[in-house]
Protein backbone atom coordinates (compact mmCIF):
# COMPACT_ATOMS: atom_id res chain seq x y z
CA MET A 1 30.44 10.21 -20.10
CA ALA A 2 31.46 13.68 -18.93
CA ILE A 3 28.41 15.12 -20.74
CA LEU A 4 26.09 12.97 -18.61
CA PHE A 5 27.68 14.21 -15.40
CA ALA A 6 27.16 17.82 -16.52
CA ALA A 7 23.39 17.27 -16.60
CA ASN A 8 21.47 17.27 -13.33
CA THR A 9 19.32 14.28 -14.23
CA LEU A 10 18.92 11.74 -17.00
CA PHE A 11 15.82 13.62 -18.11
CA ASP A 12 17.88 16.80 -18.59
CA TYR A 13 20.49 14.86 -20.53
CA PHE A 14 17.96 13.25 -22.85
CA ASP A 15 15.97 16.47 -23.21
CA THR A 16 18.82 18.90 -23.94
CA SER A 17 21.82 16.94 -25.19
CA LEU A 18 19.96 14.42 -27.35
CA SER A 19 17.26 16.93 -28.36
CA LEU A 20 14.37 14.56 -27.67
CA GLU A 21 10.83 15.64 -26.96
CA SER A 22 10.06 16.12 -23.27
CA SER A 23 7.63 13.20 -23.10
CA THR A 24 10.03 10.88 -24.92
CA ALA A 25 12.91 11.98 -22.69
CA LEU A 26 10.81 11.39 -19.58
CA VAL A 27 9.75 7.90 -20.67
CA LEU A 28 13.33 7.03 -21.61
CA ALA A 29 14.65 8.30 -18.27
CA LEU A 30 12.00 6.29 -16.42
CA LEU A 31 12.92 3.15 -18.35
CA VAL A 32 16.62 3.61 -17.62
CA HIS A 33 15.92 4.09 -13.90
CA ALA A 34 13.62 1.05 -13.80
CA LEU A 35 16.24 -1.05 -15.60
CA LEU A 36 19.01 0.05 -13.26
CA LEU A 37 16.91 -0.63 -10.16
CA GLY A 38 15.86 -4.01 -11.52
CA LEU A 39 19.44 -4.97 -12.24
CA PHE A 40 20.74 -3.62 -8.93
CA PHE A 41 18.23 -5.51 -6.82
CA GLY A 42 17.21 -8.36 -9.13
CA ILE A 43 20.53 -9.92 -10.10
CA PRO A 44 21.99 -10.22 -6.58
CA ALA A 45 18.66 -11.54 -5.27
CA GLY A 46 18.56 -14.15 -8.04
CA ILE A 47 22.12 -15.22 -7.33
CA PHE A 48 21.48 -15.50 -3.59
CA ILE A 49 18.25 -17.48 -4.11
CA TRP A 50 20.02 -19.85 -6.49
CA ALA A 51 22.96 -20.29 -4.09
CA GLU A 52 20.61 -20.87 -1.15
CA ARG A 53 18.78 -23.57 -3.10
CA LYS A 54 22.05 -25.26 -4.02
CA VAL A 55 23.32 -25.17 -0.41
CA SER A 56 19.97 -26.41 0.91
CA GLY A 57 20.09 -29.23 -1.63
CA ARG A 58 23.55 -30.26 -0.47
CA ILE A 59 22.53 -30.12 3.18
CA GLN A 60 19.50 -32.30 2.45
CA ASP A 61 21.64 -34.70 0.38
CA ARG A 62 20.02 -33.91 -2.97
CA LEU A 63 21.20 -32.02 -6.00
CA GLY A 64 19.05 -28.89 -5.78
CA PRO A 65 17.86 -27.15 -8.94
CA THR A 66 19.67 -28.73 -11.87
CA ARG A 67 17.39 -29.08 -14.89
CA THR A 68 15.40 -25.85 -15.11
CA GLY A 69 17.08 -23.26 -17.30
CA GLY A 70 20.11 -25.18 -18.42
CA LYS A 71 22.78 -27.20 -16.70
CA PHE A 72 22.85 -25.29 -13.40
CA GLY A 73 19.15 -24.53 -12.80
CA TRP A 74 19.41 -20.75 -13.14
CA LEU A 75 15.77 -20.29 -14.18
CA GLN A 76 14.25 -22.19 -11.25
CA SER A 77 13.10 -18.94 -9.59
CA ALA A 78 11.47 -17.76 -12.82
CA ALA A 79 9.69 -21.11 -13.14
CA ASP A 80 8.49 -20.82 -9.53
CA GLY A 81 7.22 -17.30 -10.19
CA LEU A 82 5.36 -18.44 -13.30
CA LYS A 83 3.84 -21.29 -11.33
CA LEU A 84 2.75 -18.86 -8.61
CA ILE A 85 1.08 -16.55 -11.13
CA GLN A 86 -0.85 -19.45 -12.66
CA LYS A 87 -2.19 -20.74 -9.34
CA GLU A 88 -5.88 -20.38 -8.66
CA ASP A 89 -7.10 -18.51 -5.62
CA LEU A 90 -9.22 -21.21 -4.05
CA ALA A 91 -11.46 -21.14 -0.99
CA PRO A 92 -13.13 -24.13 0.70
CA GLU A 93 -16.73 -24.72 -0.37
CA GLN A 94 -18.19 -24.52 3.14
CA ALA A 95 -16.21 -21.40 4.06
CA ASP A 96 -17.64 -17.92 4.09
CA LYS A 97 -15.92 -16.46 1.01
CA THR A 98 -15.90 -12.86 2.25
CA LEU A 99 -14.48 -13.78 5.65
CA PHE A 100 -11.97 -16.15 4.05
CA ARG A 101 -10.61 -13.35 1.84
CA PHE A 102 -10.75 -10.69 4.58
CA ALA A 103 -9.03 -12.73 7.35
CA PRO A 104 -5.40 -11.84 6.41
CA TYR A 105 -6.27 -8.14 6.64
CA VAL A 106 -7.82 -8.65 10.07
CA VAL A 107 -4.61 -10.33 11.24
CA CYS A 108 -2.46 -7.46 9.90
CA ALA A 109 -4.74 -4.87 11.49
CA SER A 110 -4.55 -6.58 14.88
CA MET A 111 -0.76 -6.72 14.67
CA PHE A 112 -0.49 -3.02 13.82
CA THR A 113 -3.02 -2.16 16.53
CA ALA A 114 -0.81 -3.86 19.11
CA LEU A 115 2.13 -1.74 17.92
CA LEU A 116 0.16 1.47 18.48
CA PHE A 117 0.60 1.08 22.24
CA LEU A 118 4.38 1.49 22.04
CA PRO A 119 5.65 4.72 23.58
CA PHE A 120 6.31 7.35 20.95
CA ALA A 121 7.76 10.00 23.26
CA ASP A 122 10.44 12.42 22.18
CA GLY A 123 13.08 10.80 24.38
CA SER A 124 12.50 7.20 23.25
CA SER A 125 14.16 5.56 20.30
CA LEU A 126 10.74 5.02 18.74
CA GLY A 127 10.06 8.74 18.80
CA LEU A 128 11.47 9.00 15.29
CA ILE A 129 8.65 6.83 13.89
CA ARG A 130 5.35 8.50 13.13
CA PRO A 131 2.42 6.56 14.63
CA SER A 132 0.43 7.19 11.47
CA SER A 133 2.98 5.20 9.46
CA PHE A 134 1.48 1.99 10.84
CA ALA A 135 -1.94 2.92 9.55
CA GLU A 136 -0.45 3.97 6.21
CA SER A 137 1.41 0.68 5.79
CA PHE A 138 -1.78 -1.25 6.66
CA LEU A 139 -3.89 0.73 4.21
CA ALA A 140 -1.29 0.22 1.49
CA ARG A 141 -1.86 -3.54 1.66
CA LEU A 142 -5.61 -3.36 1.07
CA PRO A 143 -6.73 -4.36 -2.44
């Protein structure tokens, strides 16, 4: 493990110490980082979601998730995610399809437009936020 700490990054470690090609070392370093981030954020989130479902089930006088993924219902969130992926994106027949799809973006734009009127002076606590960040976050949500 001391060898890994001597390298500046995982890429350097894979590239120099393991004598891998640069592209292979880069892909391997990216996979390790993605795995670590997924484990760091995914496992606690899964545990908290499962615990919240169990507590909500007890409060509502029901068992909560019990049958999906074994005895304790550990795969209920995965089953819900799979169900969400398989859902169809439906619109009412009489609705204007373009407007129906564009309406959530109009709502987000109006919300961010209202935030543009906040004071962004140097002395205020909001002075640390760039006003353009609202526009950037809105544009990031467009398909």
